[in-house]
């Protein structure tokens, strides 16, 4: 199997699209599952074990929904489509934008709590307890009891301290993945950085948080924001730290919780 990898720039950051083209003369179906580590499957995450020197990509398929990842550093891949069967394809670059399939495996996800996947460290929301951003989250939330309090104090910190990086928005680089400690230390980022930092800090506090990509109703650019499950409210809420940071910069009033009708979702991580 040969895969054509096409990169589409949408100003704020790059969105990766994998388009499968099957040529019988080149078809390779490798059932080798040694690349796909399922030890964290109970939390809705797989890990890709690849030690080669070529660029590799992963395609995750459930029903008619595909998620595509170009591996870049951390290789934790979420299975965020709910319980059921997933097909995992591992693809190795063979030159230019062409990839060949080197492994394929099907896995069955059976989570008791399907929100657990939104607590995990994954490729675009990578975090661990030793990172400065997580230490900051622990500091900010010390002594707080409710999710509402914890979400608000972390939200306030981000919208008042992180500034929008217009230069990076115009040219984020190929296959860009946020680094939450870099965002925290430079205090600059694009919407992808804002939403990754917010998600990581909240996940570290046991608060399920989604990184969402798509469009906001009064913005033309592709955008990223968050959905957060606040236990004491008993519901998921929409929060957009990038948008609110811009409003605060202009001394305008903000409401942390947004109406979901203002957003059109394309991808959820």
C-alpha atoms as a PDB file:
ATOM      1  CA  UNK A   1       0.000   0.000   0.000  1.00  0.00           C
ATOM      2  CA  UNK A   2       1.301   3.437  -0.912  1.00  0.00           C
ATOM      3  CA  UNK A   3      -0.041   6.511   0.842  1.00  0.00           C
ATOM      4  CA  UNK A   4       0.227  10.052  -0.460  1.00  0.00           C
ATOM      5  CA  UNK A   5       0.792  12.538   2.374  1.00  0.00           C
ATOM      6  CA  UNK A   6      -0.491  16.016   1.580  1.00  0.00           C
ATOM      7  CA  UNK A   7       0.074  19.037   3.818  1.00  0.00           C
ATOM      8  CA  UNK A   8      -2.542  21.778   3.807  1.00  0.00           C
ATOM      9  CA  UNK A   9      -1.714  25.076   5.493  1.00  0.00           C
ATOM     10  CA  UNK A  10      -4.583  26.882   7.207  1.00  0.00           C
ATOM     11  CA  UNK A  11      -2.652  29.930   8.408  1.00  0.00           C
ATOM     12  CA  UNK A  12      -2.622  29.230  12.143  1.00  0.00           C
ATOM     13  CA  UNK A  13      -1.075  25.804  11.895  1.00  0.00           C
ATOM     14  CA  UNK A  14      -0.754  22.819   9.572  1.00  0.00           C
ATOM     15  CA  UNK A  15      -3.444  20.212   9.370  1.00  0.00           C
ATOM     16  CA  UNK A  16      -2.253  16.850   8.132  1.00  0.00           C
ATOM     17  CA  UNK A  17      -4.391  14.933   5.665  1.00  0.00           C
ATOM     18  CA  UNK A  18      -3.577  11.373   4.603  1.00  0.00           C
ATOM     19  CA  UNK A  19      -5.090  10.205   1.336  1.00  0.00           C
ATOM     20  CA  UNK A  20      -4.865   6.471   0.676  1.00  0.00           C
ATOM     21  CA  UNK A  21      -4.061   5.397  -2.885  1.00  0.00           C
ATOM     22  CA  UNK A  22      -3.787   1.641  -3.391  1.00  0.00           C
ATOM     23  CA  UNK A  23      -1.668   0.302  -6.237  1.00  0.00           C
ATOM     24  CA  UNK A  24      -1.727  -3.470  -6.641  1.00  0.00           C
ATOM     25  CA  UNK A  25       1.832  -3.625  -7.932  1.00  0.00           C
ATOM     26  CA  UNK A  26       3.105  -1.904  -4.773  1.00  0.00           C
ATOM     27  CA  UNK A  27       0.614  -3.151  -2.231  1.00  0.00           C
ATOM     28  CA  UNK A  28       2.083  -4.174   1.117  1.00  0.00           C
ATOM     29  CA  UNK A  29      -0.100  -5.523   3.908  1.00  0.00           C
ATOM     30  CA  UNK A  30       2.023  -6.266   6.929  1.00  0.00           C
ATOM     31  CA  UNK A  31       0.175  -7.700   9.916  1.00  0.00           C
ATOM     32  CA  UNK A  32       3.170  -7.100  12.180  1.00  0.00           C
ATOM     33  CA  UNK A  33       1.778  -5.728  15.447  1.00  0.00           C
ATOM     34  CA  UNK A  34       5.122  -5.264  17.230  1.00  0.00           C
ATOM     35  CA  UNK A  35       5.020  -1.559  16.351  1.00  0.00           C
ATOM     36  CA  UNK A  36       1.706  -1.035  18.141  1.00  0.00           C
ATOM     37  CA  UNK A  37       1.907  -1.086  21.957  1.00  0.00           C
ATOM     38  CA  UNK A  38      -1.466  -1.658  23.642  1.00  0.00           C
ATOM     39  CA  UNK A  39      -0.372  -1.561  27.291  1.00  0.00           C
ATOM     40  CA  UNK A  40      -2.338   1.689  27.847  1.00  0.00           C
ATOM     41  CA  UNK A  41      -5.394   0.611  25.878  1.00  0.00           C
ATOM     42  CA  UNK A  42      -7.510   0.619  29.052  1.00  0.00           C
ATOM     43  CA  UNK A  43      -7.062   4.407  29.068  1.00  0.00           C
ATOM     44  CA  UNK A  44      -7.931   4.767  25.384  1.00  0.00           C
ATOM     45  CA  UNK A  45      -4.358   5.291  24.168  1.00  0.00           C
ATOM     46  CA  UNK A  46      -1.909   3.277  22.070  1.00  0.00           C
ATOM     47  CA  UNK A  47       1.818   3.863  21.716  1.00  0.00           C
ATOM     48  CA  UNK A  48       3.798   3.443  18.526  1.00  0.00           C
ATOM     49  CA  UNK A  49       7.151   1.673  18.872  1.00  0.00           C
ATOM     50  CA  UNK A  50       9.231   2.662  15.870  1.00  0.00           C
ATOM     51  CA  UNK A  51      13.011   2.830  16.029  1.00  0.00           C
ATOM     52  CA  UNK A  52      13.770   3.352  12.356  1.00  0.00           C
ATOM     53  CA  UNK A  53      15.272   6.456  10.789  1.00  0.00           C
ATOM     54  CA  UNK A  54      12.412   7.284   8.418  1.00  0.00           C
ATOM     55  CA  UNK A  55       9.447   9.539   8.982  1.00  0.00           C
ATOM     56  CA  UNK A  56       6.352   7.558   9.883  1.00  0.00           C
ATOM     57  CA  UNK A  57       2.665   8.342  10.084  1.00  0.00           C
ATOM     58  CA  UNK A  58      -0.284   6.660  11.748  1.00  0.00           C
ATOM     59  CA  UNK A  59      -3.834   6.403  10.450  1.00  0.00           C
ATOM     60  CA  UNK A  60      -6.546   5.582  13.005  1.00  0.00           C
ATOM     61  CA  UNK A  61      -9.868   4.473  11.509  1.00  0.00           C
ATOM     62  CA  UNK A  62     -13.167   3.913  13.328  1.00  0.00           C
ATOM     63  CA  UNK A  63     -16.342   3.499  11.331  1.00  0.00           C
ATOM     64  CA  UNK A  64     -16.098   6.241   8.676  1.00  0.00           C
ATOM     65  CA  UNK A  65     -13.897   8.612  10.724  1.00  0.00           C
ATOM     66  CA  UNK A  66     -10.139   8.872  10.145  1.00  0.00           C
ATOM     67  CA  UNK A  67      -7.489  10.546  12.287  1.00  0.00           C
ATOM     68  CA  UNK A  68      -3.985  11.000  10.886  1.00  0.00           C
ATOM     69  CA  UNK A  69      -0.750  11.650  12.748  1.00  0.00           C
ATOM     70  CA  UNK A  70       2.808  12.246  11.625  1.00  0.00           C
ATOM     71  CA  UNK A  71       4.993  11.009  14.462  1.00  0.00           C
ATOM     72  CA  UNK A  72       7.044  13.797  15.973  1.00  0.00           C
ATOM     73  CA  UNK A  73       8.533  13.123  19.391  1.00  0.00           C
ATOM     74  CA  UNK A  74       5.913  11.610  21.702  1.00  0.00           C
ATOM     75  CA  UNK A  75       4.141   8.668  20.089  1.00  0.00           C
ATOM     76  CA  UNK A  76       1.026   8.321  22.283  1.00  0.00           C
ATOM     77  CA  UNK A  77      -2.003   8.202  19.995  1.00  0.00           C
ATOM     78  CA  UNK A  78      -5.557   8.579  21.368  1.00  0.00           C
ATOM     79  CA  UNK A  79      -8.555   6.442  20.444  1.00  0.00           C
ATOM     80  CA  UNK A  80     -11.105   9.164  21.036  1.00  0.00           C
ATOM     81  CA  UNK A  81     -13.991   7.842  18.955  1.00  0.00           C
ATOM     82  CA  UNK A  82     -15.615   5.946  21.803  1.00  0.00           C
ATOM     83  CA  UNK A  83     -15.846   2.201  22.363  1.00  0.00           C
ATOM     84  CA  UNK A  84     -15.676  -0.142  19.412  1.00  0.00           C
ATOM     85  CA  UNK A  85     -13.291  -1.445  16.764  1.00  0.00           C
ATOM     86  CA  UNK A  86     -10.365   0.637  15.491  1.00  0.00           C
ATOM     87  CA  UNK A  87      -8.019  -0.130  12.614  1.00  0.00           C
ATOM     88  CA  UNK A  88      -4.473   1.172  13.171  1.00  0.00           C
ATOM     89  CA  UNK A  89      -2.190   1.607  10.148  1.00  0.00           C
ATOM     90  CA  UNK A  90       1.505   2.432  10.488  1.00  0.00           C
ATOM     91  CA  UNK A  91       2.989   4.108   7.417  1.00  0.00           C
ATOM     92  CA  UNK A  92       6.653   4.620   6.543  1.00  0.00           C
ATOM     93  CA  UNK A  93       7.925   7.341   4.230  1.00  0.00           C
ATOM     94  CA  UNK A  94       9.448   6.025   1.009  1.00  0.00           C
ATOM     95  CA  UNK A  95      10.288   9.392  -0.519  1.00  0.00           C
ATOM     96  CA  UNK A  96       8.677  12.781  -0.964  1.00  0.00           C
ATOM     97  CA  UNK A  97       5.031  12.583   0.056  1.00  0.00           C
ATOM     98  CA  UNK A  98       4.743   8.821  -0.504  1.00  0.00           C
ATOM     99  CA  UNK A  99       4.266   6.376   2.362  1.00  0.00           C
ATOM    100  CA  UNK A 100       3.945   2.597   2.470  1.00  0.00           C
ATOM    101  CA  UNK A 101       2.047   0.572   5.029  1.00  0.00           C
ATOM    102  CA  UNK A 102       4.374  -1.421   7.281  1.00  0.00           C
ATOM    103  CA  UNK A 103       1.919  -2.562   9.949  1.00  0.00           C
ATOM    104  CA  UNK A 104      -1.789  -2.893  10.520  1.00  0.00           C
ATOM    105  CA  UNK A 105      -3.766  -4.043  13.528  1.00  0.00           C
ATOM    106  CA  UNK A 106      -7.342  -3.917  14.739  1.00  0.00           C
ATOM    107  CA  UNK A 107      -8.095  -3.200  18.393  1.00  0.00           C
ATOM    108  CA  UNK A 108     -11.325  -3.262  20.373  1.00  0.00           C
ATOM    109  CA  UNK A 109     -11.840  -0.435  22.857  1.00  0.00           C
ATOM    110  CA  UNK A 110     -14.019  -1.243  25.862  1.00  0.00           C
ATOM    111  CA  UNK A 111     -13.687   1.611  28.343  1.00  0.00           C
ATOM    112  CA  UNK A 112     -15.887   1.755  31.431  1.00  0.00           C
ATOM    113  CA  UNK A 113     -15.457   5.522  31.469  1.00  0.00           C
ATOM    114  CA  UNK A 114     -14.996   6.823  27.933  1.00  0.00           C
ATOM    115  CA  UNK A 115     -13.890  10.229  29.232  1.00  0.00           C
ATOM    116  CA  UNK A 116     -10.631   8.690  30.532  1.00  0.00           C
ATOM    117  CA  UNK A 117      -8.997   9.230  27.155  1.00  0.00           C
ATOM    118  CA  UNK A 118      -9.269  12.985  27.790  1.00  0.00           C
ATOM    119  CA  UNK A 119      -7.029  12.702  30.857  1.00  0.00           C
ATOM    120  CA  UNK A 120      -4.084  11.140  29.041  1.00  0.00           C
ATOM    121  CA  UNK A 121      -0.790  12.500  27.759  1.00  0.00           C
ATOM    122  CA  UNK A 122      -0.886  12.228  23.956  1.00  0.00           C
ATOM    123  CA  UNK A 123       1.149  13.491  21.027  1.00  0.00           C
ATOM    124  CA  UNK A 124      -0.328  16.993  20.811  1.00  0.00           C
ATOM    125  CA  UNK A 125      -1.061  17.303  24.536  1.00  0.00           C
ATOM    126  CA  UNK A 126       2.135  15.860  25.940  1.00  0.00           C
ATOM    127  CA  UNK A 127       2.655  16.323  29.682  1.00  0.00           C
ATOM    128  CA  UNK A 128       4.252  14.720  32.707  1.00  0.00           C
ATOM    129  CA  UNK A 129       4.543  15.683  36.360  1.00  0.00           C
ATOM    130  CA  UNK A 130       8.119  16.960  35.948  1.00  0.00           C
ATOM    131  CA  UNK A 131       7.205  19.647  33.414  1.00  0.00           C
ATOM    132  CA  UNK A 132       7.141  23.272  34.522  1.00  0.00           C
ATOM    133  CA  UNK A 133       3.638  23.792  33.134  1.00  0.00           C
ATOM    134  CA  UNK A 134       2.310  20.979  35.311  1.00  0.00           C
ATOM    135  CA  UNK A 135       4.148  22.271  38.368  1.00  0.00           C
ATOM    136  CA  UNK A 136       2.503  25.629  37.652  1.00  0.00           C
ATOM    137  CA  UNK A 137      -0.909  23.961  37.467  1.00  0.00           C
ATOM    138  CA  UNK A 138      -0.278  22.296  40.826  1.00  0.00           C
ATOM    139  CA  UNK A 139       0.750  25.641  42.315  1.00  0.00           C
ATOM    140  CA  UNK A 140      -2.290  27.480  40.963  1.00  0.00           C
ATOM    141  CA  UNK A 141      -4.790  24.875  42.146  1.00  0.00           C
ATOM    142  CA  UNK A 142      -3.297  24.182  45.578  1.00  0.00           C
ATOM    143  CA  UNK A 143      -6.049  24.158  48.196  1.00  0.00           C
ATOM    144  CA  UNK A 144      -8.876  24.422  45.664  1.00  0.00           C
ATOM    145  CA  UNK A 145     -11.667  21.871  45.980  1.00  0.00           C
ATOM    146  CA  UNK A 146     -13.962  22.047  42.958  1.00  0.00           C
ATOM    147  CA  UNK A 147     -13.329  21.630  39.249  1.00  0.00           C
ATOM    148  CA  UNK A 148     -14.938  25.025  38.643  1.00  0.00           C
ATOM    149  CA  UNK A 149     -12.350  26.706  40.862  1.00  0.00           C
ATOM    150  CA  UNK A 150      -9.441  24.841  39.285  1.00  0.00           C
ATOM    151  CA  UNK A 151     -10.572  25.501  35.714  1.00  0.00           C
ATOM    152  CA  UNK A 152     -11.082  29.211  36.420  1.00  0.00           C
ATOM    153  CA  UNK A 153      -7.682  29.790  38.049  1.00  0.00           C
ATOM    154  CA  UNK A 154      -5.816  28.022  35.219  1.00  0.00           C
ATOM    155  CA  UNK A 155      -7.928  29.823  32.619  1.00  0.00           C
ATOM    156  CA  UNK A 156      -7.170  33.187  34.260  1.00  0.00           C
ATOM    157  CA  UNK A 157      -3.457  32.464  34.273  1.00  0.00           C
ATOM    158  CA  UNK A 158      -3.351  31.551  30.579  1.00  0.00           C
ATOM    159  CA  UNK A 159      -5.527  34.363  29.202  1.00  0.00           C
ATOM    160  CA  UNK A 160      -3.649  36.974  31.231  1.00  0.00           C
ATOM    161  CA  UNK A 161      -0.124  35.736  30.589  1.00  0.00           C
ATOM    162  CA  UNK A 162       0.102  34.095  27.153  1.00  0.00           C
ATOM    163  CA  UNK A 163       0.234  36.408  24.120  1.00  0.00           C
ATOM    164  CA  UNK A 164      -0.672  35.525  20.551  1.00  0.00           C
ATOM    165  CA  UNK A 165       2.293  34.826  18.256  1.00  0.00           C
ATOM    166  CA  UNK A 166       1.339  36.282  14.878  1.00  0.00           C
ATOM    167  CA  UNK A 167       4.653  35.310  13.304  1.00  0.00           C
ATOM    168  CA  UNK A 168       4.195  31.647  14.167  1.00  0.00           C
ATOM    169  CA  UNK A 169       0.586  31.777  12.963  1.00  0.00           C
ATOM    170  CA  UNK A 170       1.794  32.680   9.473  1.00  0.00           C
ATOM    171  CA  UNK A 171       4.442  29.942   9.412  1.00  0.00           C
ATOM    172  CA  UNK A 172       4.220  27.348  12.201  1.00  0.00           C
ATOM    173  CA  UNK A 173       6.465  24.860  10.401  1.00  0.00           C
ATOM    174  CA  UNK A 174       5.835  21.411   8.995  1.00  0.00           C
ATOM    175  CA  UNK A 175       3.935  18.976  11.226  1.00  0.00           C
ATOM    176  CA  UNK A 176       3.966  21.436  14.128  1.00  0.00           C
ATOM    177  CA  UNK A 177       3.298  19.971  17.597  1.00  0.00           C
ATOM    178  CA  UNK A 178       2.938  22.232  20.668  1.00  0.00           C
ATOM    179  CA  UNK A 179       5.396  22.116  23.546  1.00  0.00           C
ATOM    180  CA  UNK A 180       3.617  23.256  26.701  1.00  0.00           C
ATOM    181  CA  UNK A 181       6.774  24.203  28.601  1.00  0.00           C
ATOM    182  CA  UNK A 182       7.980  26.319  25.681  1.00  0.00           C
ATOM    183  CA  UNK A 183       4.619  28.093  25.572  1.00  0.00           C
ATOM    184  CA  UNK A 184       4.788  28.676  29.315  1.00  0.00           C
ATOM    185  CA  UNK A 185       8.360  30.011  29.274  1.00  0.00           C
ATOM    186  CA  UNK A 186       8.100  32.221  26.169  1.00  0.00           C
ATOM    187  CA  UNK A 187       4.542  33.291  27.035  1.00  0.00           C
ATOM    188  CA  UNK A 188       3.706  33.257  23.324  1.00  0.00           C
ATOM    189  CA  UNK A 189       1.726  30.855  21.188  1.00  0.00           C
ATOM    190  CA  UNK A 190      -0.907  30.244  18.539  1.00  0.00           C
ATOM    191  CA  UNK A 191      -4.342  28.776  19.236  1.00  0.00           C
ATOM    192  CA  UNK A 192      -2.913  25.247  19.049  1.00  0.00           C
ATOM    193  CA  UNK A 193      -0.435  26.174  21.810  1.00  0.00           C
ATOM    194  CA  UNK A 194      -3.080  27.827  23.994  1.00  0.00           C
ATOM    195  CA  UNK A 195      -5.459  24.870  23.793  1.00  0.00           C
ATOM    196  CA  UNK A 196      -2.709  22.273  24.282  1.00  0.00           C
ATOM    197  CA  UNK A 197      -1.369  24.073  27.360  1.00  0.00           C
ATOM    198  CA  UNK A 198      -4.854  24.486  28.848  1.00  0.00           C
ATOM    199  CA  UNK A 199      -5.696  20.827  28.192  1.00  0.00           C
ATOM    200  CA  UNK A 200      -2.445  19.529  29.697  1.00  0.00           C
ATOM    201  CA  UNK A 201      -2.725  21.649  32.830  1.00  0.00           C
ATOM    202  CA  UNK A 202      -6.329  20.586  33.410  1.00  0.00           C
ATOM    203  CA  UNK A 203      -5.701  16.914  32.610  1.00  0.00           C
ATOM    204  CA  UNK A 204      -2.920  16.922  35.188  1.00  0.00           C
ATOM    205  CA  UNK A 205      -5.572  17.915  37.756  1.00  0.00           C
ATOM    206  CA  UNK A 206      -7.855  15.027  36.804  1.00  0.00           C
ATOM    207  CA  UNK A 207     -10.221  17.202  34.757  1.00  0.00           C
ATOM    208  CA  UNK A 208     -11.181  15.649  31.371  1.00  0.00           C
ATOM    209  CA  UNK A 209     -10.346  18.151  28.643  1.00  0.00           C
ATOM    210  CA  UNK A 210     -10.614  17.966  24.867  1.00  0.00           C
ATOM    211  CA  UNK A 211      -8.515  19.848  22.336  1.00  0.00           C
ATOM    212  CA  UNK A 212     -10.934  20.727  19.541  1.00  0.00           C
ATOM    213  CA  UNK A 213     -10.203  21.939  16.005  1.00  0.00           C
ATOM    214  CA  UNK A 214     -12.517  23.593  13.521  1.00  0.00           C
ATOM    215  CA  UNK A 215     -14.052  27.040  13.069  1.00  0.00           C
ATOM    216  CA  UNK A 216     -15.507  29.829  15.192  1.00  0.00           C
ATOM    217  CA  UNK A 217     -18.489  31.660  13.738  1.00  0.00           C
ATOM    218  CA  UNK A 218     -16.815  35.093  13.604  1.00  0.00           C
ATOM    219  CA  UNK A 219     -13.369  33.930  12.452  1.00  0.00           C
ATOM    220  CA  UNK A 220     -12.193  32.868   8.996  1.00  0.00           C
ATOM    221  CA  UNK A 221      -9.088  30.994  10.113  1.00  0.00           C
ATOM    222  CA  UNK A 222      -8.906  27.376  11.205  1.00  0.00           C
ATOM    223  CA  UNK A 223      -8.998  27.418  14.987  1.00  0.00           C
ATOM    224  CA  UNK A 224      -8.350  25.369  18.131  1.00  0.00           C
ATOM    225  CA  UNK A 225     -10.144  25.589  21.483  1.00  0.00           C
ATOM    226  CA  UNK A 226     -11.176  23.322  24.375  1.00  0.00           C
ATOM    227  CA  UNK A 227     -14.108  21.471  25.813  1.00  0.00           C
ATOM    228  CA  UNK A 228     -13.864  20.755  29.550  1.00  0.00           C
ATOM    229  CA  UNK A 229     -15.908  18.448  31.755  1.00  0.00           C
ATOM    230  CA  UNK A 230     -16.599  20.284  35.018  1.00  0.00           C
ATOM    231  CA  UNK A 231     -17.787  17.716  37.530  1.00  0.00           C
ATOM    232  CA  UNK A 232     -19.531  20.089  39.920  1.00  0.00           C
ATOM    233  CA  UNK A 233     -21.535  21.478  36.979  1.00  0.00           C
ATOM    234  CA  UNK A 234     -22.141  17.974  35.636  1.00  0.00           C
ATOM    235  CA  UNK A 235     -21.502  18.910  32.013  1.00  0.00           C
ATOM    236  CA  UNK A 236     -19.003  19.641  29.252  1.00  0.00           C
ATOM    237  CA  UNK A 237     -18.404  23.333  28.550  1.00  0.00           C
ATOM    238  CA  UNK A 238     -16.689  25.194  25.709  1.00  0.00           C
ATOM    239  CA  UNK A 239     -13.725  27.434  26.588  1.00  0.00           C
ATOM    240  CA  UNK A 240     -11.586  29.446  24.148  1.00  0.00           C
ATOM    241  CA  UNK A 241      -8.452  30.807  25.825  1.00  0.00           C
ATOM    242  CA  UNK A 242      -6.978  32.221  22.595  1.00  0.00           C
ATOM    243  CA  UNK A 243     -10.055  34.276  21.789  1.00  0.00           C
ATOM    244  CA  UNK A 244     -10.436  35.539  25.340  1.00  0.00           C
ATOM    245  CA  UNK A 245      -6.761  36.491  25.645  1.00  0.00           C
ATOM    246  CA  UNK A 246      -7.254  38.772  22.630  1.00  0.00           C
ATOM    247  CA  UNK A 247     -10.354  40.351  24.178  1.00  0.00           C
ATOM    248  CA  UNK A 248      -8.565  40.934  27.476  1.00  0.00           C
ATOM    249  CA  UNK A 249      -5.639  42.543  25.643  1.00  0.00           C
ATOM    250  CA  UNK A 250      -8.145  45.051  24.229  1.00  0.00           C
ATOM    251  CA  UNK A 251      -9.736  45.590  27.675  1.00  0.00           C
ATOM    252  CA  UNK A 252     -12.984  43.940  26.584  1.00  0.00           C
ATOM    253  CA  UNK A 253     -15.334  41.876  28.735  1.00  0.00           C
ATOM    254  CA  UNK A 254     -15.071  38.095  28.523  1.00  0.00           C
ATOM    255  CA  UNK A 255     -17.205  35.160  29.581  1.00  0.00           C
ATOM    256  CA  UNK A 256     -15.119  32.039  30.153  1.00  0.00           C
ATOM    257  CA  UNK A 257     -17.840  29.595  29.107  1.00  0.00           C
ATOM    258  CA  UNK A 258     -18.872  29.987  25.488  1.00  0.00           C
ATOM    259  CA  UNK A 259     -21.962  28.852  23.608  1.00  0.00           C
ATOM    260  CA  UNK A 260     -21.171  25.687  21.655  1.00  0.00           C
ATOM    261  CA  UNK A 261     -23.310  27.084  18.821  1.00  0.00           C
ATOM    262  CA  UNK A 262     -20.503  29.580  18.079  1.00  0.00           C
ATOM    263  CA  UNK A 263     -18.203  26.733  16.970  1.00  0.00           C
ATOM    264  CA  UNK A 264     -18.107  24.104  14.218  1.00  0.00           C
ATOM    265  CA  UNK A 265     -16.098  21.059  15.225  1.00  0.00           C
ATOM    266  CA  UNK A 266     -13.980  19.115  12.730  1.00  0.00           C
ATOM    267  CA  UNK A 267     -11.589  17.175  14.971  1.00  0.00           C
ATOM    268  CA  UNK A 268     -11.437  16.310  18.674  1.00  0.00           C
ATOM    269  CA  UNK A 269      -8.336  15.108  20.550  1.00  0.00           C
END
